[in-house]
PDB file of all heavy atoms in Angstrom:
ATOM      1  N   LYS A   1      20.472 -29.909  20.004  1.00  0.00           N
ATOM      2  CA  LYS A   1      21.133 -28.992  19.075  1.00  0.00           C
ATOM      3  C   LYS A   1      20.408 -28.952  17.734  1.00  0.00           C
ATOM      4  O   LYS A   1      20.199 -27.880  17.156  1.00  0.00           O
ATOM      5  CB  LYS A   1      22.579 -29.432  18.897  1.00  0.00           C
ATOM      6  CG  LYS A   1      23.418 -28.485  18.062  1.00  0.00           C
ATOM      7  CD  LYS A   1      24.859 -28.950  18.002  1.00  0.00           C
ATOM      8  CE  LYS A   1      25.699 -27.987  17.184  1.00  0.00           C
ATOM      9  NZ  LYS A   1      27.126 -28.434  17.108  1.00  0.00           N
ATOM     10  N   THR A   2      20.029 -30.132  17.238  1.00  0.00           N
ATOM     11  CA  THR A   2      19.314 -30.190  15.962  1.00  0.00           C
ATOM     12  C   THR A   2      17.954 -29.505  16.064  1.00  0.00           C
ATOM     13  O   THR A   2      17.536 -28.778  15.159  1.00  0.00           O
ATOM     14  CB  THR A   2      19.123 -31.651  15.536  1.00  0.00           C
ATOM     15  OG1 THR A   2      20.398 -32.297  15.489  1.00  0.00           O
ATOM     16  CG2 THR A   2      18.466 -31.740  14.170  1.00  0.00           C
ATOM     17  N   LYS A   3      17.256 -29.712  17.178  1.00  0.00           N
ATOM     18  CA  LYS A   3      15.947 -29.099  17.371  1.00  0.00           C
ATOM     19  C   LYS A   3      16.044 -27.584  17.435  1.00  0.00           C
ATOM     20  O   LYS A   3      15.235 -26.868  16.841  1.00  0.00           O
ATOM     21  CB  LYS A   3      15.308 -29.635  18.645  1.00  0.00           C
ATOM     22  CG  LYS A   3      13.930 -29.080  18.935  1.00  0.00           C
ATOM     23  CD  LYS A   3      13.363 -29.640  20.223  1.00  0.00           C
ATOM     24  CE  LYS A   3      11.996 -29.039  20.509  1.00  0.00           C
ATOM     25  NZ  LYS A   3      11.436 -29.549  21.786  1.00  0.00           N
ATOM     26  N   ARG A   4      17.069 -27.074  18.150  1.00  0.00           N
ATOM     27  CA  ARG A   4      17.227 -25.629  18.277  1.00  0.00           C
ATOM     28  C   ARG A   4      17.504 -24.982  16.925  1.00  0.00           C
ATOM     29  O   ARG A   4      16.930 -23.940  16.581  1.00  0.00           O
ATOM     30  CB  ARG A   4      18.365 -25.332  19.256  1.00  0.00           C
ATOM     31  CG  ARG A   4      18.686 -23.851  19.414  1.00  0.00           C
ATOM     32  CD  ARG A   4      19.719 -23.631  20.487  1.00  0.00           C
ATOM     33  NE  ARG A   4      20.929 -24.407  20.241  1.00  0.00           N
ATOM     34  CZ  ARG A   4      21.896 -24.043  19.393  1.00  0.00           C
ATOM     35  NH1 ARG A   4      21.769 -22.910  18.686  1.00  0.00           N
ATOM     36  NH2 ARG A   4      22.973 -24.783  19.225  1.00  0.00           N
ATOM     37  N   LYS A   5      18.381 -25.586  16.138  1.00  0.00           N
ATOM     38  CA  LYS A   5      18.697 -25.037  14.817  1.00  0.00           C
ATOM     39  C   LYS A   5      17.494 -25.111  13.880  1.00  0.00           C
ATOM     40  O   LYS A   5      17.252 -24.196  13.091  1.00  0.00           O
ATOM     41  CB  LYS A   5      19.880 -25.792  14.220  1.00  0.00           C
ATOM     42  CG  LYS A   5      21.208 -25.508  14.902  1.00  0.00           C
ATOM     43  CD  LYS A   5      22.349 -26.214  14.193  1.00  0.00           C
ATOM     44  CE  LYS A   5      23.687 -25.860  14.816  1.00  0.00           C
ATOM     45  NZ  LYS A   5      24.823 -26.525  14.133  1.00  0.00           N
ATOM     46  N   LYS A   6      16.743 -26.195  13.984  1.00  0.00           N
ATOM     47  CA  LYS A   6      15.576 -26.358  13.123  1.00  0.00           C
ATOM     48  C   LYS A   6      14.520 -25.311  13.439  1.00  0.00           C
ATOM     49  O   LYS A   6      13.926 -24.714  12.543  1.00  0.00           O
ATOM     50  CB  LYS A   6      15.004 -27.760  13.275  1.00  0.00           C
ATOM     51  CG  LYS A   6      13.799 -28.035  12.410  1.00  0.00           C
ATOM     52  CD  LYS A   6      13.257 -29.433  12.634  1.00  0.00           C
ATOM     53  CE  LYS A   6      12.010 -29.680  11.793  1.00  0.00           C
ATOM     54  NZ  LYS A   6      11.428 -31.028  12.043  1.00  0.00           N
ATOM     55  N   GLU A   7      14.276 -25.082  14.724  1.00  0.00           N
ATOM     56  CA  GLU A   7      13.272 -24.093  15.116  1.00  0.00           C
ATOM     57  C   GLU A   7      13.686 -22.687  14.711  1.00  0.00           C
ATOM     58  O   GLU A   7      12.841 -21.870  14.313  1.00  0.00           O
ATOM     59  CB  GLU A   7      13.048 -24.163  16.619  1.00  0.00           C
ATOM     60  CG  GLU A   7      12.326 -25.423  17.074  1.00  0.00           C
ATOM     61  CD  GLU A   7      12.175 -25.490  18.573  1.00  0.00           C
ATOM     62  OE1 GLU A   7      12.833 -24.694  19.288  1.00  0.00           O
ATOM     63  OE2 GLU A   7      11.406 -26.347  19.052  1.00  0.00           O
ATOM     64  N   ALA A   8      14.983 -22.377  14.806  1.00  0.00           N
ATOM     65  CA  ALA A   8      15.447 -21.057  14.390  1.00  0.00           C
ATOM     66  C   ALA A   8      15.321 -20.874  12.882  1.00  0.00           C
ATOM     67  O   ALA A   8      14.998 -19.781  12.394  1.00  0.00           O
ATOM     68  CB  ALA A   8      16.891 -20.859  14.830  1.00  0.00           C
ATOM     69  N   ALA A   9      15.555 -21.959  12.127  1.00  0.00           N
ATOM     70  CA  ALA A   9      15.469 -21.859  10.664  1.00  0.00           C
ATOM     71  C   ALA A   9      14.032 -21.812  10.167  1.00  0.00           C
ATOM     72  O   ALA A   9      13.764 -21.253   9.092  1.00  0.00           O
ATOM     73  CB  ALA A   9      16.192 -23.036  10.021  1.00  0.00           C
ATOM     74  N   GLU A  10      13.099 -22.354  10.933  1.00  0.00           N
ATOM     75  CA  GLU A  10      11.698 -22.382  10.502  1.00  0.00           C
ATOM     76  C   GLU A  10      11.085 -20.988  10.440  1.00  0.00           C
ATOM     77  O   GLU A  10      10.064 -20.793   9.779  1.00  0.00           O
ATOM     78  CB  GLU A  10      10.879 -23.266  11.440  1.00  0.00           C
ATOM     79  CG  GLU A  10      11.083 -24.758  11.206  1.00  0.00           C
ATOM     80  CD  GLU A  10      10.310 -25.594  12.209  1.00  0.00           C
ATOM     81  OE1 GLU A  10       9.813 -25.022  13.204  1.00  0.00           O
ATOM     82  OE2 GLU A  10      10.209 -26.817  12.004  1.00  0.00           O
ATOM     83  N   ARG A  11      11.699 -20.017  11.135  1.00  0.00           N
ATOM     84  CA  ARG A  11      11.177 -18.655  11.061  1.00  0.00           C
ATOM     85  C   ARG A  11      11.273 -18.102   9.640  1.00  0.00           C
ATOM     86  O   ARG A  11      10.513 -17.198   9.250  1.00  0.00           O
ATOM     87  CB  ARG A  11      11.948 -17.746  12.020  1.00  0.00           C
ATOM     88  CG  ARG A  11      11.249 -16.418  12.296  1.00  0.00           C
ATOM     89  CD  ARG A  11      12.226 -15.373  12.766  1.00  0.00           C
ATOM     90  NE  ARG A  11      13.115 -14.954  11.710  1.00  0.00           N
ATOM     91  CZ  ARG A  11      12.815 -14.057  10.784  1.00  0.00           C
ATOM     92  NH1 ARG A  11      11.624 -13.497  10.766  1.00  0.00           N
ATOM     93  NH2 ARG A  11      13.682 -13.720   9.856  1.00  0.00           N
ATOM     94  N   ASN A  12      12.189 -18.640   8.840  1.00  0.00           N
ATOM     95  CA  ASN A  12      12.354 -18.157   7.466  1.00  0.00           C
ATOM     96  C   ASN A  12      11.173 -18.510   6.569  1.00  0.00           C
ATOM     97  O   ASN A  12      11.084 -18.010   5.450  1.00  0.00           O
ATOM     98  CB  ASN A  12      13.640 -18.726   6.860  1.00  0.00           C
ATOM     99  CG  ASN A  12      14.882 -18.219   7.570  1.00  0.00           C
ATOM    100  OD1 ASN A  12      14.894 -17.100   8.079  1.00  0.00           O
ATOM    101  ND2 ASN A  12      15.919 -19.043   7.625  1.00  0.00           N
ATOM    102  N   HIS A  13      10.275 -19.386   7.042  1.00  0.00           N
ATOM    103  CA  HIS A  13       9.117 -19.746   6.229  1.00  0.00           C
ATOM    104  C   HIS A  13       8.257 -18.516   5.920  1.00  0.00           C
ATOM    105  O   HIS A  13       7.712 -18.383   4.823  1.00  0.00           O
ATOM    106  CB  HIS A  13       8.275 -20.794   6.951  1.00  0.00           C
ATOM    107  CG  HIS A  13       8.961 -22.119   7.077  1.00  0.00           C
ATOM    108  ND1 HIS A  13       8.435 -23.176   7.781  1.00  0.00           N
ATOM    109  CD2 HIS A  13      10.152 -22.560   6.576  1.00  0.00           C
ATOM    110  CE1 HIS A  13       9.263 -24.210   7.716  1.00  0.00           C
ATOM    111  NE2 HIS A  13      10.307 -23.854   6.990  1.00  0.00           N
ATOM    112  N   ILE A  14       8.151 -17.613   6.890  1.00  0.00           N
ATOM    113  CA  ILE A  14       7.319 -16.427   6.659  1.00  0.00           C
ATOM    114  C   ILE A  14       8.011 -15.478   5.671  1.00  0.00           C
ATOM    115  O   ILE A  14       7.341 -14.773   4.900  1.00  0.00           O
ATOM    116  CB  ILE A  14       7.000 -15.717   7.991  1.00  0.00           C
ATOM    117  CG1 ILE A  14       5.878 -14.693   7.779  1.00  0.00           C
ATOM    118  CG2 ILE A  14       8.220 -15.058   8.590  1.00  0.00           C
ATOM    119  CD1 ILE A  14       5.291 -14.148   9.059  1.00  0.00           C
ATOM    120  N   GLU A  15       9.345 -15.476   5.666  1.00  0.00           N
ATOM    121  CA  GLU A  15      10.060 -14.687   4.660  1.00  0.00           C
ATOM    122  C   GLU A  15       9.789 -15.251   3.271  1.00  0.00           C
ATOM    123  O   GLU A  15       9.634 -14.508   2.294  1.00  0.00           O
ATOM    124  CB  GLU A  15      11.556 -14.701   4.950  1.00  0.00           C
ATOM    125  CG  GLU A  15      11.960 -14.095   6.284  1.00  0.00           C
ATOM    126  CD  GLU A  15      11.856 -12.583   6.306  1.00  0.00           C
ATOM    127  OE1 GLU A  15      11.525 -11.985   5.256  1.00  0.00           O
ATOM    128  OE2 GLU A  15      12.101 -11.990   7.377  1.00  0.00           O
ATOM    129  N   GLY A  16       9.733 -16.583   3.181  1.00  0.00           N
ATOM    130  CA  GLY A  16       9.388 -17.188   1.901  1.00  0.00           C
ATOM    131  C   GLY A  16       7.983 -16.855   1.453  1.00  0.00           C
ATOM    132  O   GLY A  16       7.716 -16.687   0.254  1.00  0.00           O
ATOM    133  N   LYS A  17       7.064 -16.717   2.417  1.00  0.00           N
ATOM    134  CA  LYS A  17       5.690 -16.326   2.073  1.00  0.00           C
ATOM    135  C   LYS A  17       5.656 -14.909   1.514  1.00  0.00           C
ATOM    136  O   LYS A  17       4.916 -14.619   0.568  1.00  0.00           O
ATOM    137  CB  LYS A  17       4.803 -16.452   3.307  1.00  0.00           C
ATOM    138  CG  LYS A  17       3.336 -16.200   3.067  1.00  0.00           C
ATOM    139  CD  LYS A  17       2.733 -17.226   2.131  1.00  0.00           C
ATOM    140  CE  LYS A  17       2.658 -18.597   2.765  1.00  0.00           C
ATOM    141  NZ  LYS A  17       1.907 -19.553   1.909  1.00  0.00           N
ATOM    142  N   PHE A  18       6.454 -14.013   2.103  1.00  0.00           N
ATOM    143  CA  PHE A  18       6.538 -12.652   1.574  1.00  0.00           C
ATOM    144  C   PHE A  18       7.125 -12.659   0.163  1.00  0.00           C
ATOM    145  O   PHE A  18       6.661 -11.925  -0.718  1.00  0.00           O
ATOM    146  CB  PHE A  18       7.400 -11.774   2.483  1.00  0.00           C
ATOM    147  CG  PHE A  18       6.805 -11.533   3.843  1.00  0.00           C
ATOM    148  CD1 PHE A  18       7.608 -11.213   4.928  1.00  0.00           C
ATOM    149  CD2 PHE A  18       5.450 -11.642   4.051  1.00  0.00           C
ATOM    150  CE1 PHE A  18       7.068 -10.980   6.171  1.00  0.00           C
ATOM    151  CE2 PHE A  18       4.887 -11.419   5.303  1.00  0.00           C
ATOM    152  CZ  PHE A  18       5.711 -11.090   6.360  1.00  0.00           C
ATOM    153  N   GLY A  19       8.149 -13.480  -0.041  1.00  0.00           N
ATOM    154  CA  GLY A  19       8.730 -13.579  -1.374  1.00  0.00           C
ATOM    155  C   GLY A  19       7.745 -14.131  -2.383  1.00  0.00           C
ATOM    156  O   GLY A  19       7.705 -13.693  -3.534  1.00  0.00           O
ATOM    157  N   GLN A  20       6.930 -15.096  -1.944  1.00  0.00           N
ATOM    158  CA  GLN A  20       5.903 -15.634  -2.837  1.00  0.00           C
ATOM    159  C   GLN A  20       4.908 -14.553  -3.230  1.00  0.00           C
ATOM    160  O   GLN A  20       4.510 -14.439  -4.397  1.00  0.00           O
ATOM    161  CB  GLN A  20       5.172 -16.783  -2.142  1.00  0.00           C
ATOM    162  CG  GLN A  20       4.047 -17.389  -2.984  1.00  0.00           C
ATOM    163  CD  GLN A  20       3.216 -18.380  -2.192  1.00  0.00           C
ATOM    164  OE1 GLN A  20       3.449 -18.610  -1.000  1.00  0.00           O
ATOM    165  NE2 GLN A  20       2.231 -18.987  -2.845  1.00  0.00           N
ATOM    166  N   GLY A  21       4.506 -13.736  -2.264  1.00  0.00           N
ATOM    167  CA  GLY A  21       3.542 -12.685  -2.570  1.00  0.00           C
ATOM    168  C   GLY A  21       4.108 -11.620  -3.489  1.00  0.00           C
ATOM    169  O   GLY A  21       3.425 -11.145  -4.401  1.00  0.00           O
ATOM    170  N   LYS A  22       5.373 -11.254  -3.289  1.00  0.00           N
ATOM    171  CA  LYS A  22       5.941 -10.163  -4.076  1.00  0.00           C
ATOM    172  C   LYS A  22       6.410 -10.613  -5.454  1.00  0.00           C
ATOM    173  O   LYS A  22       6.263  -9.880  -6.439  1.00  0.00           O
ATOM    174  CB  LYS A  22       7.105  -9.525  -3.297  1.00  0.00           C
ATOM    175  CG  LYS A  22       6.639  -8.818  -2.028  1.00  0.00           C
ATOM    176  CD  LYS A  22       7.756  -8.072  -1.340  1.00  0.00           C
ATOM    177  CE  LYS A  22       7.220  -7.320  -0.132  1.00  0.00           C
ATOM    178  NZ  LYS A  22       8.246  -6.506   0.548  1.00  0.00           N
ATOM    179  N   ASN A  23       6.969 -11.802  -5.528  1.00  0.00           N
ATOM    180  CA  ASN A  23       7.450 -12.289  -6.820  1.00  0.00           C
ATOM    181  C   ASN A  23       6.358 -12.974  -7.631  1.00  0.00           C
ATOM    182  O   ASN A  23       6.344 -12.887  -8.862  1.00  0.00           O
ATOM    183  CB  ASN A  23       8.611 -13.270  -6.610  1.00  0.00           C
ATOM    184  CG  ASN A  23       9.814 -12.617  -5.977  1.00  0.00           C
ATOM    185  OD1 ASN A  23      10.109 -11.464  -6.251  1.00  0.00           O
ATOM    186  ND2 ASN A  23      10.503 -13.338  -5.103  1.00  0.00           N
ATOM    187  N   GLY A  24       5.457 -13.680  -6.954  1.00  0.00           N
ATOM    188  CA  GLY A  24       4.447 -14.442  -7.673  1.00  0.00           C
ATOM    189  C   GLY A  24       3.135 -13.724  -7.884  1.00  0.00           C
ATOM    190  O   GLY A  24       2.406 -14.014  -8.843  1.00  0.00           O
ATOM    191  N   TYR A  25       2.795 -12.760  -6.994  1.00  0.00           N
ATOM    192  CA  TYR A  25       1.482 -12.122  -7.083  1.00  0.00           C
ATOM    193  C   TYR A  25       1.557 -10.599  -7.021  1.00  0.00           C
ATOM    194  O   TYR A  25       0.560  -9.941  -6.769  1.00  0.00           O
ATOM    195  CB  TYR A  25       0.585 -12.640  -5.950  1.00  0.00           C
ATOM    196  CG  TYR A  25       0.386 -14.135  -5.998  1.00  0.00           C
ATOM    197  CD1 TYR A  25       1.160 -14.981  -5.216  1.00  0.00           C
ATOM    198  CD2 TYR A  25      -0.546 -14.716  -6.847  1.00  0.00           C
ATOM    199  CE1 TYR A  25       0.998 -16.366  -5.267  1.00  0.00           C
ATOM    200  CE2 TYR A  25      -0.723 -16.083  -6.900  1.00  0.00           C
ATOM    201  CZ  TYR A  25       0.059 -16.894  -6.115  1.00  0.00           C
ATOM    202  OH  TYR A  25      -0.099 -18.258  -6.174  1.00  0.00           O
ATOM    203  N   ASN A  26       2.758 -10.038  -7.233  1.00  0.00           N
ATOM    204  CA  ASN A  26       2.946  -8.575  -7.311  1.00  0.00           C
ATOM    205  C   ASN A  26       2.463  -7.860  -6.050  1.00  0.00           C
ATOM    206  O   ASN A  26       1.791  -6.819  -6.131  1.00  0.00           O
ATOM    207  CB  ASN A  26       2.236  -8.007  -8.544  1.00  0.00           C
ATOM    208  CG  ASN A  26       2.926  -8.385  -9.836  1.00  0.00           C
ATOM    209  OD1 ASN A  26       4.082  -8.801  -9.827  1.00  0.00           O
ATOM    210  ND2 ASN A  26       2.228  -8.268 -10.950  1.00  0.00           N
ATOM    211  N   LEU A  27       2.808  -8.408  -4.887  1.00  0.00           N
ATOM    212  CA  LEU A  27       2.483  -7.728  -3.639  1.00  0.00           C
ATOM    213  C   LEU A  27       3.265  -6.432  -3.483  1.00  0.00           C
ATOM    214  O   LEU A  27       2.872  -5.560  -2.709  1.00  0.00           O
ATOM    215  CB  LEU A  27       2.767  -8.671  -2.458  1.00  0.00           C
ATOM    216  CG  LEU A  27       2.399  -8.182  -1.057  1.00  0.00           C
ATOM    217  CD1 LEU A  27       0.894  -7.942  -0.948  1.00  0.00           C
ATOM    218  CD2 LEU A  27       2.857  -9.160   0.003  1.00  0.00           C
ATOM    219  N   ASN A  28       4.357  -6.292  -4.217  1.00  0.00           N
ATOM    220  CA  ASN A  28       5.160  -5.066  -4.172  1.00  0.00           C
ATOM    221  C   ASN A  28       4.782  -4.079  -5.269  1.00  0.00           C
ATOM    222  O   ASN A  28       5.490  -3.098  -5.478  1.00  0.00           O
ATOM    223  CB  ASN A  28       6.649  -5.410  -4.275  1.00  0.00           C
ATOM    224  CG  ASN A  28       6.968  -6.203  -5.528  1.00  0.00           C
ATOM    225  OD1 ASN A  28       6.072  -6.772  -6.152  1.00  0.00           O
ATOM    226  ND2 ASN A  28       8.233  -6.246  -5.901  1.00  0.00           N
ATOM    227  N   GLU A  29       3.661  -4.317  -5.956  1.00  0.00           N
ATOM    228  CA  GLU A  29       3.180  -3.387  -6.989  1.00  0.00           C
ATOM    229  C   GLU A  29       1.657  -3.287  -6.888  1.00  0.00           C
ATOM    230  O   GLU A  29       0.933  -3.750  -7.758  1.00  0.00           O
ATOM    231  CB  GLU A  29       3.591  -3.845  -8.388  1.00  0.00           C
ATOM    232  CG  GLU A  29       5.080  -3.778  -8.659  1.00  0.00           C
ATOM    233  CD  GLU A  29       5.422  -4.173 -10.079  1.00  0.00           C
ATOM    234  OE1 GLU A  29       4.488  -4.422 -10.868  1.00  0.00           O
ATOM    235  OE2 GLU A  29       6.623  -4.246 -10.411  1.00  0.00           O
ATOM    236  N   ILE A  30       1.178  -2.680  -5.815  1.00  0.00           N
ATOM    237  CA  ILE A  30      -0.256  -2.524  -5.626  1.00  0.00           C
ATOM    238  C   ILE A  30      -0.722  -1.349  -6.481  1.00  0.00           C
ATOM    239  O   ILE A  30      -0.345  -0.199  -6.241  1.00  0.00           O
ATOM    240  CB  ILE A  30      -0.593  -2.291  -4.140  1.00  0.00           C
ATOM    241  CG1 ILE A  30       0.019  -3.408  -3.278  1.00  0.00           C
ATOM    242  CG2 ILE A  30      -2.099  -2.207  -3.944  1.00  0.00           C
ATOM    243  CD1 ILE A  30      -0.445  -4.786  -3.631  1.00  0.00           C
ATOM    244  N   ARG A  31      -1.543  -1.645  -7.484  1.00  0.00           N
ATOM    245  CA  ARG A  31      -1.908  -0.638  -8.471  1.00  0.00           C
ATOM    246  C   ARG A  31      -3.231   0.062  -8.165  1.00  0.00           C
ATOM    247  O   ARG A  31      -3.636   0.949  -8.921  1.00  0.00           O
ATOM    248  CB  ARG A  31      -1.985  -1.282  -9.864  1.00  0.00           C
ATOM    249  CG  ARG A  31      -0.631  -1.778 -10.359  1.00  0.00           C
ATOM    250  CD  ARG A  31      -0.739  -2.517 -11.673  1.00  0.00           C
ATOM    251  NE  ARG A  31       0.577  -2.954 -12.143  1.00  0.00           N
ATOM    252  CZ  ARG A  31       1.330  -2.288 -12.990  1.00  0.00           C
ATOM    253  NH1 ARG A  31       0.904  -1.138 -13.483  1.00  0.00           N
ATOM    254  NH2 ARG A  31       2.506  -2.741 -13.361  1.00  0.00           N
ATOM    255  N   ALA A  32      -3.925  -0.335  -7.114  1.00  0.00           N
ATOM    256  CA  ALA A  32      -5.144   0.379  -6.736  1.00  0.00           C
ATOM    257  C   ALA A  32      -4.768   1.757  -6.188  1.00  0.00           C
ATOM    258  O   ALA A  32      -3.735   1.914  -5.523  1.00  0.00           O
ATOM    259  CB  ALA A  32      -5.923  -0.414  -5.697  1.00  0.00           C
ATOM    260  N   ARG A  33      -5.599   2.745  -6.444  1.00  0.00           N
ATOM    261  CA  ARG A  33      -5.244   4.118  -6.086  1.00  0.00           C
ATOM    262  C   ARG A  33      -5.913   4.582  -4.802  1.00  0.00           C
ATOM    263  O   ARG A  33      -5.377   5.448  -4.105  1.00  0.00           O
ATOM    264  CB  ARG A  33      -5.596   5.073  -7.224  1.00  0.00           C
ATOM    265  CG  ARG A  33      -4.854   4.774  -8.511  1.00  0.00           C
ATOM    266  CD  ARG A  33      -5.148   5.799  -9.587  1.00  0.00           C
ATOM    267  NE  ARG A  33      -4.641   7.107  -9.254  1.00  0.00           N
ATOM    268  CZ  ARG A  33      -4.667   8.144 -10.072  1.00  0.00           C
ATOM    269  NH1 ARG A  33      -5.154   8.000 -11.290  1.00  0.00           N
ATOM    270  NH2 ARG A  33      -4.202   9.306  -9.705  1.00  0.00           N
ATOM    271  N   LEU A  34      -7.067   4.019  -4.473  1.00  0.00           N
ATOM    272  CA  LEU A  34      -7.764   4.431  -3.257  1.00  0.00           C
ATOM    273  C   LEU A  34      -7.274   3.623  -2.072  1.00  0.00           C
ATOM    274  O   LEU A  34      -6.741   2.516  -2.210  1.00  0.00           O
ATOM    275  CB  LEU A  34      -9.276   4.250  -3.422  1.00  0.00           C
ATOM    276  CG  LEU A  34      -9.926   5.012  -4.578  1.00  0.00           C
ATOM    277  CD1 LEU A  34     -11.411   4.700  -4.634  1.00  0.00           C
ATOM    278  CD2 LEU A  34      -9.708   6.513  -4.437  1.00  0.00           C
TER     279      LEU A  34
END
């Protein structure tokens, strides 16, 4: 049971990576025009 819950929760790591890119490095504000 603990292993199953842990593996399901580990998928959120990639969501945290997206949050790091958008909040920390402005991945949601790409200012290049080409």
